[in-house]
């Protein structure tokens, strides 16, 4: 593995991780809710409840925050201005996205819910889910890069 040291941004990554942790902690302390995105979105789509307000606000915040940061930050976003070119077709990316969605339903949560919030609560179920997520990801990379040559 080769690290691209010119584009390696450990401080912004650390700050982003700290902000994710802070947001998850504040949501838990203020409302007693877990900041798992698939659960927030899934519950919003499945039911009409009094909790729709904070769920919509949380999701809007996820979408609006990068634009706000790009506006107020002197350097803008620390990302390239061009779109990411993928060697994969849209069909493969669509199937991959659907499989991720299926996996989050199967695991009763996504990486943010289990990895950030569940592990912080010492949840055994979340630990198993994260090990499955990571193991599946590693196996997928190994198969696609070393066995299929894609």
N, C-alpha and C. Protein backbone atom coordinates (compact mmCIF):
# COMPACT_ATOMS: atom_id res chain seq x y z
N UNK A 1 0.84 -1.17 0.00
CA UNK A 1 0.00 0.00 0.00
C UNK A 1 0.89 1.24 0.00
N UNK A 2 0.52 2.21 -0.80
CA UNK A 2 1.26 3.46 -0.89
C UNK A 2 0.34 4.59 -0.42
N UNK A 3 0.85 5.41 0.49
CA UNK A 3 0.09 6.55 0.99
C UNK A 3 0.45 7.77 0.17
N UNK A 4 -0.55 8.46 -0.32
CA UNK A 4 -0.36 9.70 -1.06
C UNK A 4 -0.18 10.83 -0.04
N UNK A 5 1.07 11.06 0.38
CA UNK A 5 1.35 11.99 1.46
C UNK A 5 0.98 13.43 1.12
N UNK A 6 0.95 13.79 -0.15
CA UNK A 6 0.61 15.17 -0.50
C UNK A 6 -0.87 15.47 -0.28
N UNK A 7 -1.71 14.45 -0.35
CA UNK A 7 -3.15 14.63 -0.13
C UNK A 7 -3.63 14.03 1.18
N UNK A 8 -2.71 13.58 2.02
CA UNK A 8 -3.04 13.00 3.31
C UNK A 8 -3.41 14.11 4.27
N UNK A 9 -4.60 14.06 4.84
CA UNK A 9 -5.09 15.15 5.69
C UNK A 9 -5.51 14.61 7.06
N UNK A 10 -4.55 14.27 7.91
CA UNK A 10 -4.91 13.68 9.20
C UNK A 10 -5.65 14.63 10.13
N UNK A 11 -5.34 15.93 10.07
CA UNK A 11 -5.97 16.86 11.01
C UNK A 11 -7.42 17.12 10.64
N UNK A 12 -7.72 17.26 9.36
CA UNK A 12 -9.12 17.45 8.98
C UNK A 12 -9.91 16.17 9.21
N UNK A 13 -9.27 15.01 9.01
CA UNK A 13 -9.95 13.75 9.28
C UNK A 13 -10.23 13.61 10.78
N UNK A 14 -9.27 13.97 11.59
CA UNK A 14 -9.46 13.92 13.05
C UNK A 14 -10.56 14.88 13.49
N UNK A 15 -10.55 16.09 12.93
CA UNK A 15 -11.59 17.07 13.28
C UNK A 15 -12.97 16.57 12.84
N UNK A 16 -13.05 15.99 11.65
CA UNK A 16 -14.32 15.45 11.17
C UNK A 16 -14.83 14.33 12.06
N UNK A 17 -13.93 13.44 12.45
CA UNK A 17 -14.32 12.35 13.35
C UNK A 17 -14.78 12.86 14.70
N UNK A 18 -14.09 13.87 15.22
CA UNK A 18 -14.50 14.47 16.50
C UNK A 18 -15.87 15.12 16.38
N UNK A 19 -16.14 15.78 15.27
CA UNK A 19 -17.46 16.40 15.08
C UNK A 19 -18.56 15.36 14.96
N UNK A 20 -18.27 14.24 14.29
CA UNK A 20 -19.25 13.16 14.20
C UNK A 20 -19.54 12.61 15.60
N UNK A 21 -18.49 12.38 16.37
CA UNK A 21 -18.67 11.90 17.74
C UNK A 21 -19.44 12.89 18.61
N UNK A 22 -19.13 14.18 18.46
CA UNK A 22 -19.83 15.21 19.21
C UNK A 22 -21.31 15.25 18.85
N UNK A 23 -21.61 15.19 17.55
CA UNK A 23 -23.01 15.21 17.11
C UNK A 23 -23.76 13.99 17.64
N UNK A 24 -23.12 12.82 17.59
CA UNK A 24 -23.75 11.60 18.11
C UNK A 24 -23.99 11.70 19.61
N UNK A 25 -23.01 12.23 20.33
CA UNK A 25 -23.16 12.38 21.78
C UNK A 25 -24.25 13.38 22.13
N UNK A 26 -24.30 14.51 21.42
CA UNK A 26 -25.33 15.51 21.69
C UNK A 26 -26.73 14.98 21.40
N UNK A 27 -26.88 14.24 20.30
CA UNK A 27 -28.19 13.68 19.98
C UNK A 27 -28.62 12.68 21.07
N UNK A 28 -27.67 11.89 21.53
CA UNK A 28 -27.99 10.91 22.57
C UNK A 28 -28.32 11.60 23.89
N UNK A 29 -27.54 12.60 24.27
CA UNK A 29 -27.79 13.30 25.53
C UNK A 29 -29.06 14.14 25.49
N UNK A 30 -29.33 14.78 24.35
CA UNK A 30 -30.50 15.66 24.25
C UNK A 30 -31.80 14.89 24.07
N UNK A 31 -31.79 13.87 23.22
CA UNK A 31 -33.03 13.17 22.88
C UNK A 31 -33.03 11.69 23.23
N UNK A 32 -31.89 11.17 23.65
CA UNK A 32 -31.81 9.74 23.96
C UNK A 32 -31.88 8.88 22.71
N UNK A 33 -31.49 9.42 21.57
CA UNK A 33 -31.57 8.72 20.29
C UNK A 33 -30.19 8.43 19.75
N UNK A 34 -30.09 7.38 18.95
CA UNK A 34 -28.84 6.96 18.33
C UNK A 34 -28.71 7.62 16.96
N UNK A 35 -27.53 8.12 16.65
CA UNK A 35 -27.29 8.81 15.39
C UNK A 35 -26.90 7.85 14.28
N UNK A 36 -27.69 6.83 14.08
CA UNK A 36 -27.50 5.92 12.95
C UNK A 36 -28.31 6.41 11.77
N UNK A 37 -27.66 6.72 10.69
CA UNK A 37 -28.33 7.37 9.56
C UNK A 37 -29.41 6.48 8.96
N UNK A 38 -29.12 5.19 8.81
CA UNK A 38 -30.14 4.32 8.21
C UNK A 38 -31.37 4.23 9.09
N UNK A 39 -31.18 4.24 10.41
CA UNK A 39 -32.32 4.22 11.31
C UNK A 39 -33.11 5.52 11.29
N UNK A 40 -32.39 6.63 11.23
CA UNK A 40 -33.06 7.94 11.18
C UNK A 40 -33.88 8.05 9.90
N UNK A 41 -33.27 7.72 8.76
CA UNK A 41 -33.97 7.81 7.49
C UNK A 41 -35.07 6.76 7.39
N UNK A 42 -34.77 5.52 7.78
CA UNK A 42 -35.75 4.44 7.69
C UNK A 42 -36.99 4.71 8.52
N UNK A 43 -36.80 5.21 9.75
CA UNK A 43 -37.94 5.52 10.60
C UNK A 43 -38.75 6.68 10.05
N UNK A 44 -38.06 7.62 9.42
CA UNK A 44 -38.76 8.76 8.83
C UNK A 44 -39.62 8.32 7.66
N UNK A 45 -39.13 7.37 6.89
CA UNK A 45 -39.88 6.89 5.73
C UNK A 45 -41.00 5.92 6.10
N UNK A 46 -40.86 5.22 7.21
CA UNK A 46 -41.82 4.18 7.58
C UNK A 46 -43.00 4.68 8.39
N UNK A 47 -42.80 5.70 9.18
CA UNK A 47 -43.87 6.08 10.10
C UNK A 47 -44.02 7.59 10.20
N UNK A 48 -45.21 7.98 10.53
CA UNK A 48 -45.47 9.39 10.84
C UNK A 48 -45.48 9.49 12.37
N UNK A 49 -44.57 10.27 12.88
CA UNK A 49 -44.52 10.39 14.34
C UNK A 49 -44.13 11.80 14.74
N UNK A 50 -44.16 12.04 16.02
CA UNK A 50 -43.77 13.34 16.55
C UNK A 50 -42.27 13.55 16.42
N UNK A 51 -41.53 12.49 16.13
CA UNK A 51 -40.08 12.59 16.01
C UNK A 51 -39.62 12.97 14.61
N UNK A 52 -40.53 13.22 13.71
CA UNK A 52 -40.15 13.54 12.33
C UNK A 52 -39.34 14.83 12.26
N UNK A 53 -39.60 15.78 13.13
CA UNK A 53 -38.92 17.07 13.08
C UNK A 53 -37.42 16.96 13.25
N UNK A 54 -36.98 16.30 14.32
CA UNK A 54 -35.53 16.21 14.53
C UNK A 54 -34.88 15.33 13.49
N UNK A 55 -35.60 14.31 12.99
CA UNK A 55 -35.03 13.44 11.94
C UNK A 55 -34.79 14.23 10.65
N UNK A 56 -35.77 15.02 10.25
CA UNK A 56 -35.63 15.85 9.04
C UNK A 56 -34.51 16.87 9.25
N UNK A 57 -34.47 17.51 10.41
CA UNK A 57 -33.43 18.50 10.69
C UNK A 57 -32.04 17.86 10.64
N UNK A 58 -31.90 16.67 11.19
CA UNK A 58 -30.61 15.97 11.19
C UNK A 58 -30.16 15.67 9.77
N UNK A 59 -31.08 15.16 8.96
CA UNK A 59 -30.74 14.82 7.57
C UNK A 59 -30.44 16.07 6.74
N UNK A 60 -31.20 17.13 6.94
CA UNK A 60 -30.93 18.38 6.23
C UNK A 60 -29.55 18.92 6.64
N UNK A 61 -29.23 18.80 7.92
CA UNK A 61 -27.91 19.23 8.39
C UNK A 61 -26.79 18.46 7.71
N UNK A 62 -26.99 17.18 7.49
CA UNK A 62 -25.97 16.38 6.79
C UNK A 62 -25.76 16.86 5.36
N UNK A 63 -26.84 17.28 4.72
CA UNK A 63 -26.75 17.73 3.34
C UNK A 63 -26.25 19.16 3.21
N UNK A 64 -26.60 20.01 4.17
CA UNK A 64 -26.27 21.43 4.09
C UNK A 64 -24.88 21.74 4.65
N UNK A 65 -24.43 20.99 5.62
CA UNK A 65 -23.16 21.29 6.31
C UNK A 65 -21.96 21.43 5.37
N UNK A 66 -21.77 20.58 4.38
CA UNK A 66 -20.61 20.78 3.49
C UNK A 66 -20.66 22.11 2.74
N UNK A 67 -21.84 22.53 2.33
CA UNK A 67 -21.97 23.82 1.65
C UNK A 67 -21.66 24.98 2.57
N UNK A 68 -22.11 24.88 3.82
CA UNK A 68 -21.82 25.92 4.80
C UNK A 68 -20.32 25.98 5.05
N UNK A 69 -19.69 24.82 5.21
CA UNK A 69 -18.25 24.77 5.44
C UNK A 69 -17.49 25.37 4.26
N UNK A 70 -17.90 25.04 3.05
CA UNK A 70 -17.24 25.57 1.86
C UNK A 70 -17.38 27.08 1.78
N UNK A 71 -18.48 27.60 2.29
CA UNK A 71 -18.73 29.04 2.26
C UNK A 71 -17.91 29.79 3.31
N UNK A 72 -17.82 29.27 4.52
CA UNK A 72 -17.16 29.98 5.61
C UNK A 72 -15.69 29.65 5.75
N UNK A 73 -15.23 28.56 5.19
CA UNK A 73 -13.84 28.16 5.31
C UNK A 73 -12.97 28.92 4.32
N UNK A 74 -11.84 29.45 4.76
CA UNK A 74 -10.97 30.18 3.84
C UNK A 74 -10.47 29.31 2.69
N UNK A 75 -10.22 28.05 2.95
CA UNK A 75 -9.71 27.17 1.90
C UNK A 75 -10.80 26.36 1.22
N UNK A 76 -12.04 26.55 1.64
CA UNK A 76 -13.11 25.72 1.08
C UNK A 76 -13.01 24.29 1.57
N UNK A 77 -13.61 23.41 0.86
CA UNK A 77 -13.55 22.00 1.22
C UNK A 77 -12.19 21.42 0.86
N UNK A 78 -11.61 20.59 1.71
CA UNK A 78 -10.31 20.00 1.39
C UNK A 78 -10.45 18.81 0.45
N UNK A 79 -11.23 18.98 -0.59
CA UNK A 79 -11.47 17.93 -1.56
C UNK A 79 -11.18 18.45 -2.95
N UNK A 80 -10.85 17.57 -3.89
CA UNK A 80 -10.65 18.04 -5.26
C UNK A 80 -11.94 18.63 -5.83
N UNK A 81 -11.81 19.61 -6.71
CA UNK A 81 -12.98 20.27 -7.28
C UNK A 81 -13.66 19.42 -8.34
N UNK A 82 -13.02 18.39 -8.83
CA UNK A 82 -13.62 17.56 -9.88
C UNK A 82 -14.36 16.37 -9.27
N UNK A 83 -15.16 15.74 -10.06
CA UNK A 83 -15.88 14.57 -9.59
C UNK A 83 -14.96 13.37 -9.56
N UNK A 84 -15.32 12.39 -8.78
CA UNK A 84 -14.51 11.18 -8.67
C UNK A 84 -14.79 10.28 -9.87
N UNK A 85 -13.75 9.89 -10.55
CA UNK A 85 -13.90 8.97 -11.67
C UNK A 85 -13.81 7.54 -11.13
N UNK A 86 -14.78 6.73 -11.44
CA UNK A 86 -14.78 5.35 -10.98
C UNK A 86 -14.59 4.42 -12.17
N UNK A 87 -13.74 3.42 -12.00
CA UNK A 87 -13.57 2.45 -13.09
C UNK A 87 -14.75 1.49 -13.19
N UNK A 88 -15.72 1.63 -12.30
CA UNK A 88 -16.87 0.74 -12.28
C UNK A 88 -18.02 1.36 -13.07
N UNK A 89 -18.87 0.51 -13.60
CA UNK A 89 -20.04 0.99 -14.35
C UNK A 89 -21.13 1.42 -13.36
N UNK A 90 -22.09 2.20 -13.88
CA UNK A 90 -23.22 2.61 -13.04
C UNK A 90 -24.02 1.41 -12.57
N UNK A 91 -24.10 0.37 -13.37
CA UNK A 91 -24.85 -0.83 -12.98
C UNK A 91 -24.19 -1.48 -11.76
N UNK A 92 -22.87 -1.61 -11.79
CA UNK A 92 -22.17 -2.22 -10.66
C UNK A 92 -22.31 -1.35 -9.42
N UNK A 93 -22.18 -0.03 -9.58
CA UNK A 93 -22.33 0.87 -8.45
C UNK A 93 -23.74 0.82 -7.87
N UNK A 94 -24.75 0.69 -8.73
CA UNK A 94 -26.14 0.60 -8.28
C UNK A 94 -26.35 -0.69 -7.49
N UNK A 95 -25.87 -1.80 -8.02
CA UNK A 95 -25.99 -3.09 -7.31
C UNK A 95 -25.26 -3.02 -5.97
N UNK A 96 -24.07 -2.41 -5.96
CA UNK A 96 -23.31 -2.27 -4.72
C UNK A 96 -24.10 -1.45 -3.69
N UNK A 97 -24.69 -0.37 -4.14
CA UNK A 97 -25.50 0.46 -3.23
C UNK A 97 -26.70 -0.28 -2.68
N UNK A 98 -27.36 -1.05 -3.53
CA UNK A 98 -28.50 -1.85 -3.06
C UNK A 98 -28.06 -2.91 -2.06
N UNK A 99 -26.90 -3.52 -2.29
CA UNK A 99 -26.38 -4.51 -1.34
C UNK A 99 -26.03 -3.88 -0.01
N UNK A 100 -25.49 -2.68 -0.03
CA UNK A 100 -25.20 -1.97 1.22
C UNK A 100 -26.51 -1.69 1.96
N UNK A 101 -27.52 -1.23 1.24
CA UNK A 101 -28.83 -0.99 1.85
C UNK A 101 -29.42 -2.26 2.44
N UNK A 102 -29.31 -3.37 1.71
CA UNK A 102 -29.78 -4.65 2.23
C UNK A 102 -29.02 -5.05 3.49
N UNK A 103 -27.71 -4.83 3.47
CA UNK A 103 -26.90 -5.17 4.64
C UNK A 103 -27.25 -4.35 5.86
N UNK A 104 -27.55 -3.07 5.66
CA UNK A 104 -27.92 -2.25 6.82
C UNK A 104 -29.25 -2.68 7.40
N UNK A 105 -30.17 -3.12 6.56
CA UNK A 105 -31.44 -3.64 7.08
C UNK A 105 -31.23 -4.97 7.80
N UNK A 106 -30.38 -5.81 7.23
CA UNK A 106 -30.09 -7.11 7.82
C UNK A 106 -29.41 -6.95 9.19
N UNK A 107 -28.51 -5.96 9.30
CA UNK A 107 -27.77 -5.74 10.55
C UNK A 107 -28.50 -4.81 11.52
N UNK A 108 -29.70 -4.38 11.14
CA UNK A 108 -30.46 -3.42 11.97
C UNK A 108 -29.64 -2.17 12.26
N UNK A 109 -28.95 -1.67 11.26
CA UNK A 109 -28.19 -0.45 11.42
C UNK A 109 -27.04 -0.37 10.44
N UNK A 110 -26.48 0.83 10.35
CA UNK A 110 -25.39 1.08 9.42
C UNK A 110 -24.09 1.27 10.19
N UNK A 111 -23.05 1.60 9.46
CA UNK A 111 -21.74 1.78 10.10
C UNK A 111 -21.76 2.92 11.10
N UNK A 112 -22.51 3.97 10.83
CA UNK A 112 -22.55 5.07 11.80
C UNK A 112 -23.28 4.66 13.07
N UNK A 113 -24.37 3.94 12.93
CA UNK A 113 -25.11 3.52 14.12
C UNK A 113 -24.35 2.50 14.95
N UNK A 114 -23.82 1.48 14.28
CA UNK A 114 -23.09 0.44 15.01
C UNK A 114 -21.66 0.86 15.35
N UNK A 115 -20.95 1.42 14.36
CA UNK A 115 -19.54 1.72 14.55
C UNK A 115 -19.28 2.90 15.46
N UNK A 116 -20.03 3.96 15.32
CA UNK A 116 -19.79 5.14 16.14
C UNK A 116 -20.57 5.05 17.45
N UNK A 117 -21.86 4.83 17.34
CA UNK A 117 -22.71 4.87 18.54
C UNK A 117 -22.74 3.55 19.30
N UNK A 118 -22.87 2.45 18.58
CA UNK A 118 -22.97 1.15 19.25
C UNK A 118 -21.71 0.76 19.98
N UNK A 119 -20.56 0.96 19.35
CA UNK A 119 -19.30 0.62 20.01
C UNK A 119 -19.05 1.53 21.21
N UNK A 120 -19.47 2.78 21.11
CA UNK A 120 -19.31 3.71 22.24
C UNK A 120 -20.16 3.27 23.43
N UNK A 121 -21.24 2.55 23.17
CA UNK A 121 -22.11 2.04 24.25
C UNK A 121 -21.74 0.62 24.65
N UNK A 122 -20.64 0.10 24.12
CA UNK A 122 -20.15 -1.26 24.39
C UNK A 122 -21.19 -2.32 24.03
N UNK A 123 -21.88 -2.11 22.92
CA UNK A 123 -22.90 -3.05 22.46
C UNK A 123 -22.24 -4.24 21.77
N UNK A 124 -22.52 -5.43 22.26
CA UNK A 124 -21.97 -6.65 21.66
C UNK A 124 -22.51 -6.83 20.25
N UNK A 125 -23.79 -6.54 20.05
CA UNK A 125 -24.40 -6.65 18.72
C UNK A 125 -23.70 -5.73 17.74
N UNK A 126 -23.37 -4.52 18.19
CA UNK A 126 -22.67 -3.58 17.31
C UNK A 126 -21.25 -4.05 17.01
N UNK A 127 -20.59 -4.63 17.98
CA UNK A 127 -19.25 -5.15 17.75
C UNK A 127 -19.28 -6.24 16.67
N UNK A 128 -20.24 -7.15 16.78
CA UNK A 128 -20.38 -8.20 15.77
C UNK A 128 -20.70 -7.61 14.41
N UNK A 129 -21.59 -6.62 14.38
CA UNK A 129 -21.94 -5.97 13.11
C UNK A 129 -20.74 -5.29 12.47
N UNK A 130 -19.95 -4.56 13.27
CA UNK A 130 -18.77 -3.86 12.74
C UNK A 130 -17.75 -4.88 12.23
N UNK A 131 -17.54 -5.96 12.95
CA UNK A 131 -16.62 -6.99 12.48
C UNK A 131 -17.10 -7.58 11.15
N UNK A 132 -18.41 -7.76 11.01
CA UNK A 132 -18.97 -8.26 9.74
C UNK A 132 -18.81 -7.23 8.63
N UNK A 133 -19.08 -5.94 8.92
CA UNK A 133 -18.90 -4.88 7.91
C UNK A 133 -17.46 -4.86 7.43
N UNK A 134 -16.54 -4.81 8.38
CA UNK A 134 -15.13 -4.69 8.02
C UNK A 134 -14.63 -5.94 7.30
N UNK A 135 -15.01 -7.11 7.80
CA UNK A 135 -14.60 -8.35 7.15
C UNK A 135 -15.14 -8.46 5.73
N UNK A 136 -16.39 -8.08 5.56
CA UNK A 136 -16.99 -8.12 4.21
C UNK A 136 -16.30 -7.13 3.28
N UNK A 137 -15.99 -5.96 3.78
CA UNK A 137 -15.29 -4.96 2.98
C UNK A 137 -13.91 -5.44 2.56
N UNK A 138 -13.17 -6.01 3.51
CA UNK A 138 -11.83 -6.51 3.20
C UNK A 138 -11.90 -7.66 2.20
N UNK A 139 -12.85 -8.55 2.39
CA UNK A 139 -12.99 -9.68 1.47
C UNK A 139 -13.37 -9.19 0.07
N UNK A 140 -14.25 -8.20 -0.01
CA UNK A 140 -14.65 -7.65 -1.30
C UNK A 140 -13.47 -7.02 -2.02
N UNK A 141 -12.69 -6.23 -1.32
CA UNK A 141 -11.51 -5.60 -1.93
C UNK A 141 -10.52 -6.67 -2.38
N UNK A 142 -10.30 -7.67 -1.56
CA UNK A 142 -9.36 -8.72 -1.93
C UNK A 142 -9.82 -9.45 -3.19
N UNK A 143 -11.09 -9.83 -3.22
CA UNK A 143 -11.62 -10.56 -4.38
C UNK A 143 -11.57 -9.70 -5.64
N UNK A 144 -12.04 -8.45 -5.54
CA UNK A 144 -12.10 -7.61 -6.75
C UNK A 144 -10.72 -7.20 -7.24
N UNK A 145 -9.78 -7.00 -6.35
CA UNK A 145 -8.45 -6.55 -6.79
C UNK A 145 -7.49 -7.68 -7.10
N UNK A 146 -7.62 -8.80 -6.41
CA UNK A 146 -6.61 -9.84 -6.55
C UNK A 146 -7.10 -11.11 -7.24
N UNK A 147 -8.37 -11.38 -7.18
CA UNK A 147 -8.86 -12.63 -7.80
C UNK A 147 -9.55 -12.41 -9.13
N UNK A 148 -10.33 -11.33 -9.24
CA UNK A 148 -11.04 -11.11 -10.50
C UNK A 148 -10.28 -10.16 -11.42
N UNK A 149 -9.37 -9.37 -10.89
CA UNK A 149 -8.61 -8.44 -11.71
C UNK A 149 -9.40 -7.25 -12.21
N UNK A 150 -10.56 -7.00 -11.61
CA UNK A 150 -11.39 -5.87 -12.02
C UNK A 150 -10.81 -4.57 -11.53
